[in-house]
C-alpha atoms as a PDB file:
ATOM      1  CA  HIS A   1       0.156  -0.061  -0.046  1.00  0.00           C
ATOM      2  CA  SER A   2       2.513   2.353   0.310  1.00  0.00           C
ATOM      3  CA  THR A   3       4.373   2.157  -2.386  1.00  0.00           C
ATOM      4  CA  ALA A   4       0.827   2.741  -4.297  1.00  0.00           C
ATOM      5  CA  VAL A   5       0.055   5.473  -1.856  1.00  0.00           C
ATOM      6  CA  ALA A   6       4.062   7.360  -3.311  1.00  0.00           C
ATOM      7  CA  ALA A   7       2.776   6.936  -6.693  1.00  0.00           C
ATOM      8  CA  TYR A   8      -0.738   8.470  -6.575  1.00  0.00           C
ATOM      9  CA  ARG A   9       0.942  11.259  -4.499  1.00  0.00           C
ATOM     10  CA  ALA A  10       3.377  11.632  -7.070  1.00  0.00           C
ATOM     11  CA  ALA A  11       0.607  11.497  -9.892  1.00  0.00           C
ATOM     12  CA  LEU A  12      -1.057  14.177  -8.303  1.00  0.00           C
ATOM     13  CA  LYS A  13       1.609  16.648  -8.651  1.00  0.00           C
ATOM     14  CA  LEU A  14       1.414  16.218 -12.039  1.00  0.00           C
ATOM     15  CA  ARG A  15      -2.550  16.145 -12.097  1.00  0.00           C
ATOM     16  CA  PRO A  16      -3.910  17.722  -8.452  1.00  0.00           C
ATOM     17  CA  SER A  17      -7.432  17.910 -10.516  1.00  0.00           C
ATOM     18  CA  ASP A  18      -8.124  13.996 -11.147  1.00  0.00           C
ATOM     19  CA  ALA A  19     -10.839  13.001  -8.800  1.00  0.00           C
ATOM     20  CA  ALA A  20      -9.867   9.197  -9.426  1.00  0.00           C
ATOM     21  CA  LEU A  21      -6.214   9.719  -8.516  1.00  0.00           C
ATOM     22  CA  TRP A  22      -7.337  11.035  -5.126  1.00  0.00           C
ATOM     23  CA  LEU A  23     -10.130   8.644  -4.394  1.00  0.00           C
ATOM     24  CA  SER A  24      -7.661   5.829  -5.340  1.00  0.00           C
ATOM     25  CA  LEU A  25      -5.179   7.457  -3.070  1.00  0.00           C
ATOM     26  CA  GLY A  26      -7.862   7.641  -0.471  1.00  0.00           C
ATOM     27  CA  VAL A  27      -8.775   3.689  -0.407  1.00  0.00           C
ATOM     28  CA  ALA A  28      -5.233   2.821  -1.029  1.00  0.00           C
ATOM     29  CA  MET A  29      -4.082   4.346   2.141  1.00  0.00           C
ATOM     30  CA  SER A  30      -7.222   3.201   3.891  1.00  0.00           C
ATOM     31  CA  PRO A  31      -5.998  -0.216   5.401  1.00  0.00           C
ATOM     32  CA  MET A  32      -2.610   1.584   6.399  1.00  0.00           C
ATOM     33  CA  GLU A  33      -2.304   1.725  10.005  1.00  0.00           C
ATOM     34  CA  GLU A  34       0.373   4.744   9.909  1.00  0.00           C
ATOM     35  CA  ALA A  35      -2.546   6.680   7.797  1.00  0.00           C
ATOM     36  CA  ASP A  36      -5.242   8.091  10.191  1.00  0.00           C
ATOM     37  CA  ASP A  37      -9.489   7.970   9.582  1.00  0.00           C
ATOM     38  CA  GLU A  38      -8.706  12.103   8.766  1.00  0.00           C
ATOM     39  CA  GLN A  39      -5.907  11.935   6.211  1.00  0.00           C
ATOM     40  CA  VAL A  40      -7.929   9.367   4.645  1.00  0.00           C
ATOM     41  CA  LEU A  41     -11.171  11.172   4.680  1.00  0.00           C
ATOM     42  CA  SER A  42      -9.542  14.675   3.487  1.00  0.00           C
ATOM     43  CA  ALA A  43      -8.322  12.465  -0.014  1.00  0.00           C
ATOM     44  CA  PHE A  44     -11.933  11.308  -0.153  1.00  0.00           C
ATOM     45  CA  HIS A  45     -13.355  14.928   0.133  1.00  0.00           C
ATOM     46  CA  ARG A  46     -10.546  16.384  -2.266  1.00  0.00           C
ATOM     47  CA  ALA A  47     -12.127  13.601  -4.939  1.00  0.00           C
ATOM     48  CA  VAL A  48     -15.710  14.961  -4.573  1.00  0.00           C
ATOM     49  CA  ASP A  49     -14.466  18.641  -4.725  1.00  0.00           C
ATOM     50  CA  VAL A  50     -12.664  18.119  -7.865  1.00  0.00           C
ATOM     51  CA  GLY A  51     -14.859  15.083  -9.317  1.00  0.00           C
ATOM     52  CA  GLY A  52     -17.805  17.253 -10.520  1.00  0.00           C
ATOM     53  CA  PRO A  53     -21.552  17.410 -10.873  1.00  0.00           C
ATOM     54  CA  ARG A  54     -21.464  14.242 -12.798  1.00  0.00           C
ATOM     55  CA  ASP A  55     -19.387  12.072  -9.992  1.00  0.00           C
ATOM     56  CA  ALA A  56     -21.524   9.943  -8.044  1.00  0.00           C
ATOM     57  CA  ARG A  57     -18.531   7.341  -7.579  1.00  0.00           C
ATOM     58  CA  SER A  58     -16.181   9.990  -5.689  1.00  0.00           C
ATOM     59  CA  ALA A  59     -19.574  10.501  -2.789  1.00  0.00           C
ATOM     60  CA  LEU A  60     -20.143   6.999  -2.565  1.00  0.00           C
ATOM     61  CA  THR A  61     -16.458   6.207  -1.756  1.00  0.00           C
ATOM     62  CA  LEU A  62     -16.718   8.875   0.803  1.00  0.00           C
ATOM     63  CA  ALA A  63     -20.479   7.915   2.354  1.00  0.00           C
ATOM     64  CA  ARG A  64     -18.963   4.286   2.546  1.00  0.00           C
ATOM     65  CA  TYR A  65     -16.065   5.302   4.486  1.00  0.00           C
ATOM     66  CA  LEU A  66     -17.705   7.255   7.056  1.00  0.00           C
ATOM     67  CA  THR A  67     -20.193   4.910   7.844  1.00  0.00           C
ATOM     68  CA  LYS A  68     -17.593   2.547   8.500  1.00  0.00           C
ATOM     69  CA  LEU A  69     -16.262   5.229  10.991  1.00  0.00           C
ATOM     70  CA  SER A  70     -19.825   5.483  12.570  1.00  0.00           C
ATOM     71  CA  ARG A  71     -20.136   8.405  11.081  1.00  0.00           C
ATOM     72  CA  PRO A  72     -23.711   8.203   9.734  1.00  0.00           C
ATOM     73  CA  SER A  73     -24.716  11.666   9.928  1.00  0.00           C
ATOM     74  CA  GLU A  74     -22.182  12.880   7.716  1.00  0.00           C
ATOM     75  CA  ALA A  75     -22.536   9.536   5.888  1.00  0.00           C
ATOM     76  CA  ILE A  76     -26.337  10.166   4.882  1.00  0.00           C
ATOM     77  CA  ASP A  77     -25.412  13.460   3.528  1.00  0.00           C
ATOM     78  CA  ALA A  78     -22.412  12.165   1.056  1.00  0.00           C
ATOM     79  CA  PHE A  79     -24.731   9.526   0.000  1.00  0.00           C
ATOM     80  CA  TYR A  80     -27.674  11.828  -0.859  1.00  0.00           C
ATOM     81  CA  LEU A  81     -24.966  13.653  -2.773  1.00  0.00           C
ATOM     82  CA  ALA A  82     -24.193  11.014  -4.761  1.00  0.00           C
ATOM     83  CA  ALA A  83     -27.979  10.249  -5.797  1.00  0.00           C
ATOM     84  CA  GLY A  84     -28.230  14.107  -7.109  1.00  0.00           C
ATOM     85  CA  ARG A  85     -24.765  13.424  -9.051  1.00  0.00           C
ATOM     86  CA  ASP A  86     -26.084  10.091 -10.733  1.00  0.00           C
ATOM     87  CA  ALA A  87     -29.789   9.068 -10.164  1.00  0.00           C
ATOM     88  CA  GLU A  88     -28.063   5.237 -11.629  1.00  0.00           C
ATOM     89  CA  TYR A  89     -26.686   4.903  -8.093  1.00  0.00           C
ATOM     90  CA  PHE A  90     -30.321   5.411  -6.385  1.00  0.00           C
ATOM     91  CA  GLU A  91     -30.582   1.795  -4.977  1.00  0.00           C
ATOM     92  CA  GLU A  92     -26.987   1.919  -3.500  1.00  0.00           C
ATOM     93  CA  VAL A  93     -27.629   5.266  -2.013  1.00  0.00           C
ATOM     94  CA  LYS A  94     -30.986   4.197  -0.170  1.00  0.00           C
ATOM     95  CA  LEU A  95     -28.976   1.129   1.302  1.00  0.00           C
ATOM     96  CA  GLY A  96     -26.078   2.896   2.427  1.00  0.00           C
ATOM     97  CA  VAL A  97     -28.637   5.711   3.737  1.00  0.00           C
ATOM     98  CA  GLY A  98     -30.657   2.569   5.386  1.00  0.00           C
ATOM     99  CA  THR A  99     -27.061   1.539   7.348  1.00  0.00           C
ATOM    100  CA  ALA A 100     -26.397   4.721   8.509  1.00  0.00           C
ATOM    101  CA  ARG A 101     -29.919   5.202   9.838  1.00  0.00           C
ATOM    102  CA  GLY A 102     -29.593   2.071  11.670  1.00  0.00           C
ATOM    103  CA  GLN A 103     -26.388   3.280  12.876  1.00  0.00           C
ATOM    104  CA  GLN A 104     -28.363   5.942  14.359  1.00  0.00           C
ATOM    105  CA  GLY A 105     -30.616   3.784  15.990  1.00  0.00           C
ATOM    106  CA  ARG A 106     -33.585   5.185  13.210  1.00  0.00           C
ATOM    107  CA  LEU A 107     -34.916   1.224  12.856  1.00  0.00           C
ATOM    108  CA  ARG A 108     -37.904   2.006  11.232  1.00  0.00           C
ATOM    109  CA  GLU A 109     -36.491   4.719   8.559  1.00  0.00           C
ATOM    110  CA  ALA A 110     -33.856   2.276   8.017  1.00  0.00           C
ATOM    111  CA  LEU A 111     -36.239  -0.147   7.200  1.00  0.00           C
ATOM    112  CA  ALA A 112     -38.063   2.066   4.893  1.00  0.00           C
ATOM    113  CA  ASP A 113     -34.520   2.630   3.339  1.00  0.00           C
ATOM    114  CA  PHE A 114     -34.307  -0.763   2.816  1.00  0.00           C
ATOM    115  CA  GLU A 115     -37.762  -1.600   1.369  1.00  0.00           C
ATOM    116  CA  ALA A 116     -37.304   1.253  -1.116  1.00  0.00           C
ATOM    117  CA  ALA A 117     -33.914  -0.183  -2.482  1.00  0.00           C
ATOM    118  CA  ALA A 118     -35.909  -3.816  -2.458  1.00  0.00           C
ATOM    119  CA  ARG A 119     -38.242  -1.602  -4.740  1.00  0.00           C
ATOM    120  CA  LEU A 120     -35.889  -0.568  -6.940  1.00  0.00           C
ATOM    121  CA  SER A 121     -34.273  -3.894  -7.544  1.00  0.00           C
ATOM    122  CA  PRO A 122     -37.069  -6.560  -7.600  1.00  0.00           C
ATOM    123  CA  THR A 123     -34.887  -9.427  -7.945  1.00  0.00           C
ATOM    124  CA  ASN A 124     -32.695  -9.077  -5.000  1.00  0.00           C
ATOM    125  CA  ALA A 125     -33.548 -11.885  -3.092  1.00  0.00           C
ATOM    126  CA  LYS A 126     -30.918 -11.665  -0.413  1.00  0.00           C
ATOM    127  CA  LEU A 127     -32.166  -7.942   0.430  1.00  0.00           C
ATOM    128  CA  LYS A 128     -35.570  -9.801   0.141  1.00  0.00           C
ATOM    129  CA  GLN A 129     -34.839 -12.050   2.762  1.00  0.00           C
ATOM    130  CA  ALA A 130     -32.951  -9.451   5.210  1.00  0.00           C
ATOM    131  CA  LEU A 131     -36.028  -6.976   5.227  1.00  0.00           C
ATOM    132  CA  GLY A 132     -38.191  -9.709   7.330  1.00  0.00           C
ATOM    133  CA  GLY A 133     -35.128  -9.743   9.899  1.00  0.00           C
ATOM    134  CA  MET A 134     -34.742  -6.417  10.013  1.00  0.00           C
ATOM    135  CA  GLU A 135     -38.838  -5.767  10.712  1.00  0.00           C
ATOM    136  CA  ARG A 136     -38.355  -8.332  13.742  1.00  0.00           C
ATOM    137  CA  ASN A 137     -35.588  -6.214  15.169  1.00  0.00           C
ATOM    138  CA  ALA A 138     -36.871  -2.762  14.830  1.00  0.00           C
ATOM    139  CA  ALA A 139     -40.525  -4.182  16.392  1.00  0.00           C
ATOM    140  CA  ALA A 140     -37.984  -5.720  19.402  1.00  0.00           C
ATOM    141  CA  VAL A 141     -36.363  -2.400  20.126  1.00  0.00           C
ATOM    142  CA  GLU A 142     -39.307  -0.639  19.678  1.00  0.00           C
ATOM    143  CA  ALA A 143     -41.089  -2.886  22.180  1.00  0.00           C
ATOM    144  CA  ALA A 144     -38.059  -2.826  24.504  1.00  0.00           C
ATOM    145  CA  THR A 145     -37.950   1.185  24.217  1.00  0.00           C
ATOM    146  CA  ALA A 146     -41.638   1.816  24.494  1.00  0.00           C
ATOM    147  CA  GLY A 147     -42.502   4.266  27.378  1.00  0.00           C
ATOM    148  CA  VAL A 148     -38.991   5.193  27.840  1.00  0.00           C
ATOM    149  CA  GLU A 149     -38.538   8.964  27.964  1.00  0.00           C
ATOM    150  CA  ASP A 150     -34.887   9.182  27.002  1.00  0.00           C
ATOM    151  CA  ALA A 151     -34.876   6.030  24.916  1.00  0.00           C
ATOM    152  CA  VAL A 152     -31.545   7.511  22.710  1.00  0.00           C
ATOM    153  CA  ALA A 153     -29.572   6.857  26.150  1.00  0.00           C
ATOM    154  CA  ASP A 154     -30.410   3.128  25.767  1.00  0.00           C
ATOM    155  CA  VAL A 155     -28.915   2.885  22.061  1.00  0.00           C
ATOM    156  CA  CYS A 156     -24.974   1.990  24.030  1.00  0.00           C
ATOM    157  CA  GLY A 157     -26.555  -1.156  25.465  1.00  0.00           C
ATOM    158  CA  THR A 158     -29.242  -2.884  26.661  1.00  0.00           C
ATOM    159  CA  PRO A 159     -31.980  -3.102  25.541  1.00  0.00           C
ATOM    160  CA  CYS A 160     -31.113  -1.691  22.119  1.00  0.00           C
ATOM    161  CA  GLN A 161     -27.835  -4.457  21.578  1.00  0.00           C
ATOM    162  CA  GLU A 162     -29.072  -4.938  18.136  1.00  0.00           C
ATOM    163  CA  VAL A 163     -27.871  -1.699  17.183  1.00  0.00           C
ATOM    164  CA  VAL A 164     -24.565  -2.241  18.629  1.00  0.00           C
ATOM    165  CA  ASP A 165     -23.731  -5.409  17.482  1.00  0.00           C
ATOM    166  CA  GLY A 166     -25.017  -4.188  14.276  1.00  0.00           C
ATOM    167  CA  SER A 167     -22.546  -1.089  13.716  1.00  0.00           C
ATOM    168  CA  GLY A 168     -20.177  -2.346  16.039  1.00  0.00           C
ATOM    169  CA  LEU A 169     -19.113  -0.425  19.826  1.00  0.00           C
ATOM    170  CA  THR A 170     -17.789   2.972  17.937  1.00  0.00           C
ATOM    171  CA  VAL A 171     -21.251   3.548  17.579  1.00  0.00           C
ATOM    172  CA  CYS A 172     -20.793   4.536  21.235  1.00  0.00           C
ATOM    173  CA  ALA A 173     -18.179   6.890  21.016  1.00  0.00           C
ATOM    174  CA  ILE A 174     -19.285   9.071  18.661  1.00  0.00           C
ATOM    175  CA  THR A 175     -20.480  12.996  19.214  1.00  0.00           C
ATOM    176  CA  TRP A 176     -24.411  13.495  18.545  1.00  0.00           C
ATOM    177  CA  ALA A 177     -24.015  15.729  15.784  1.00  0.00           C
ATOM    178  CA  MET A 178     -21.888  12.750  13.847  1.00  0.00           C
ATOM    179  CA  GLY A 179     -24.041  10.420  14.405  1.00  0.00           C
ATOM    180  CA  CYS A 180     -27.668  12.320  14.527  1.00  0.00           C
ATOM    181  CA  GLY A 181     -26.707  15.899  13.448  1.00  0.00           C
ATOM    182  CA  GLU A 182     -30.023  16.524  11.802  1.00  0.00           C
ATOM    183  CA  VAL A 183     -32.425  15.380  14.568  1.00  0.00           C
ATOM    184  CA  PRO A 184     -32.488  17.365  17.235  1.00  0.00           C
ATOM    185  CA  PRO A 185     -31.190  15.764  20.715  1.00  0.00           C
ATOM    186  CA  PRO A 186     -33.709  14.748  22.973  1.00  0.00           C
ATOM    187  CA  PRO A 187     -34.248  17.364  25.741  1.00  0.00           C
ATOM    188  CA  ARG A 188     -32.441  15.503  28.401  1.00  0.00           C
ATOM    189  CA  ILE A 189     -28.811  15.451  26.425  1.00  0.00           C
ATOM    190  CA  HIS A 190     -26.500  18.031  25.863  1.00  0.00           C
ATOM    191  CA  ARG A 191     -24.618  18.511  22.791  1.00  0.00           C
ATOM    192  CA  ALA A 192     -21.870  19.148  24.810  1.00  0.00           C
ATOM    193  CA  GLU A 193     -22.054  15.945  27.209  1.00  0.00           C
ATOM    194  CA  HIS A 194     -22.581  13.540  23.706  1.00  0.00           C
END
């Protein structure tokens, strides 16, 4: 990976407005331990910036990486940016947005996104089969949190363990703005604390 990174950086000195090179640099850096997440994100953001209004691939790659980092609010924005650049990717966008909403603990909304993706791809048997399990998980979480005033606080433990199991423990370390930016926090959660 380090050889590829060096080659991409050398090529970018010659062609700094080449989105494919910025994208490739980010992909090459992503598995490297010495490259931190912000460096990778910087390369992906640069690819999005120079890619132009028809380049959905850069925005999709950025969105996937943000999802991997459990930064779903930012990921959702990047997924929709990709859809705006090329509607051909809308099924993939809906799948990604569903995954990000699941990380936020917004399971019903995630399920609606997955159902939209299934309608766009009626032959995707794997997705149709998964929808049943998603519906059961959403119902279980809703039942467990019914009547709970501050259900958001439960996302990082019982009774919402399925959320943590599905997105990893890093969901517990994200800030409210990263995870649920477009949704105002419940009255008992203060932005600075979470």
